[in-house]
Protein backbone atom coordinates (compact mmCIF):
# COMPACT_ATOMS: atom_id res chain seq x y z
CA MET A 1 183.24 173.18 10.85
CA LYS A 2 184.46 172.95 14.35
CA PHE A 3 186.51 170.05 15.69
CA LEU A 4 187.82 169.13 19.12
CA ILE A 5 191.37 167.70 18.95
CA ILE A 6 192.78 165.97 22.03
CA GLN A 7 196.45 165.33 21.53
CA LYS A 8 198.82 163.43 23.87
CA ILE A 9 202.53 163.13 23.47
CA LYS A 10 203.76 159.53 23.26
CA ARG A 11 205.59 158.49 26.37
CA GLU A 12 208.50 157.07 24.46
CA VAL A 13 209.47 160.39 22.98
CA PRO A 14 212.95 161.22 24.22
CA LEU A 15 213.17 164.30 26.35
CA GLU A 16 215.74 165.86 23.97
CA LYS A 17 213.38 165.55 20.99
CA TRP A 18 210.37 166.74 23.02
CA SER A 19 212.24 169.78 24.34
CA LYS A 20 213.11 170.82 20.71
CA LEU A 21 209.67 170.23 19.25
CA LEU A 22 207.49 171.72 22.00
CA PRO A 23 208.58 175.36 21.34
CA LEU A 24 207.87 174.79 17.63
CA GLN A 25 204.41 173.46 18.46
CA PHE A 26 203.76 176.55 20.66
CA LYS A 27 204.65 178.84 17.69
CA TYR A 28 202.50 176.75 15.37
CA PHE A 29 199.46 177.09 17.66
CA GLU A 30 200.09 180.81 18.01
CA LYS A 31 200.08 181.12 14.20
CA LEU A 32 196.82 179.20 13.97
CA GLU A 33 195.24 181.38 16.66
CA LYS A 34 196.23 184.55 14.66
CA GLU A 35 194.69 183.01 11.58
CA LYS A 36 191.47 182.32 13.64
CA ILE A 37 191.73 178.61 12.95
CA VAL A 38 192.36 177.68 16.56
CA GLU A 39 189.56 179.11 18.77
CA ALA A 40 190.73 177.51 22.01
CA ASP A 41 194.01 175.90 23.11
CA TYR A 42 194.43 174.28 26.56
CA HIS A 43 197.06 172.22 28.24
CA LEU A 44 195.87 168.97 29.77
CA ILE A 45 196.87 169.16 33.46
CA GLY A 46 198.83 166.20 34.71
CA GLN A 47 199.43 164.92 31.08
CA GLN A 48 201.76 165.83 28.30
CA GLY A 49 199.10 166.96 25.87
CA SER A 50 196.72 169.61 24.74
CA MET A 51 193.20 170.21 23.68
CA LEU A 52 192.30 172.43 20.72
CA ILE A 53 189.07 173.56 19.21
CA VAL A 54 189.68 174.33 15.51
CA ASN A 55 187.38 175.92 12.96
CA VAL A 56 188.07 174.86 9.37
CA ASP A 57 186.07 174.79 6.17
CA SER A 58 186.90 171.28 4.97
CA ASP A 59 188.43 167.92 5.90
CA GLU A 60 191.40 168.91 3.77
CA ALA A 61 191.96 171.95 6.05
CA LEU A 62 191.63 169.78 9.15
CA SER A 63 194.17 167.38 7.75
CA LYS A 64 196.55 170.22 7.11
CA VAL A 65 196.20 171.55 10.69
CA VAL A 66 196.95 168.11 12.12
CA GLY A 67 199.62 167.12 9.58
CA GLU A 68 201.66 170.33 9.97
CA ASP A 69 201.84 170.12 13.79
CA PRO A 70 205.56 169.75 14.72
CA MET A 71 204.57 166.98 17.13
CA PHE A 72 202.62 165.03 14.45
CA PHE A 73 204.74 161.90 14.46
CA HIS A 74 205.24 161.99 18.28
CA SER A 75 201.67 162.22 19.50
CA GLU A 76 198.41 160.40 19.46
CA ARG A 77 195.17 162.29 18.86
CA GLU A 78 191.41 161.95 19.04
CA ILE A 79 189.37 164.23 16.80
CA TYR A 80 185.66 164.88 17.26
CA PRO A 81 183.32 166.99 15.09
CA LEU A 82 181.39 169.53 17.11
CA THR A 83 178.04 171.19 16.77
CA THR A 84 176.16 173.70 18.90
CA ARG A 85 173.64 172.62 21.49
CA GLN A 86 171.02 174.58 19.56
CA THR A 87 171.75 172.73 16.31
CA HIS A 88 171.69 169.40 18.16
CA GLU A 89 168.39 170.29 19.85
CA LYS A 90 166.80 171.31 16.54
CA GLN A 91 167.81 167.98 15.01
CA ILE A 92 166.45 165.98 17.98
CA ARG A 93 163.19 167.88 17.94
CA GLY A 94 162.84 167.10 14.27
CA LEU A 95 163.35 163.39 14.82
CA LEU A 96 160.90 163.33 17.78
CA GLN A 97 158.03 165.14 16.03
CA PRO A 98 155.56 162.92 14.13
């Protein structure tokens, strides 16, 4: 299952804490990329945040990805389940056919 995670660092995070945790987060994302869990990782321009596309087998695995992020307690995130356009189209066609 693929999920889009949009994560933004809370503004009240002190610069000292942010500067220590950010390199740890970079290493964490690199590890997940090597494990083929993170398929895409982008910085959000003009914001202190990132966008990830993760591919996991369960909600437990998704919870682990999110919960082990070094910035977990210092960020807010939105998580969206993803599907392909083809799968979505097939579902819509099935709904529209009598």
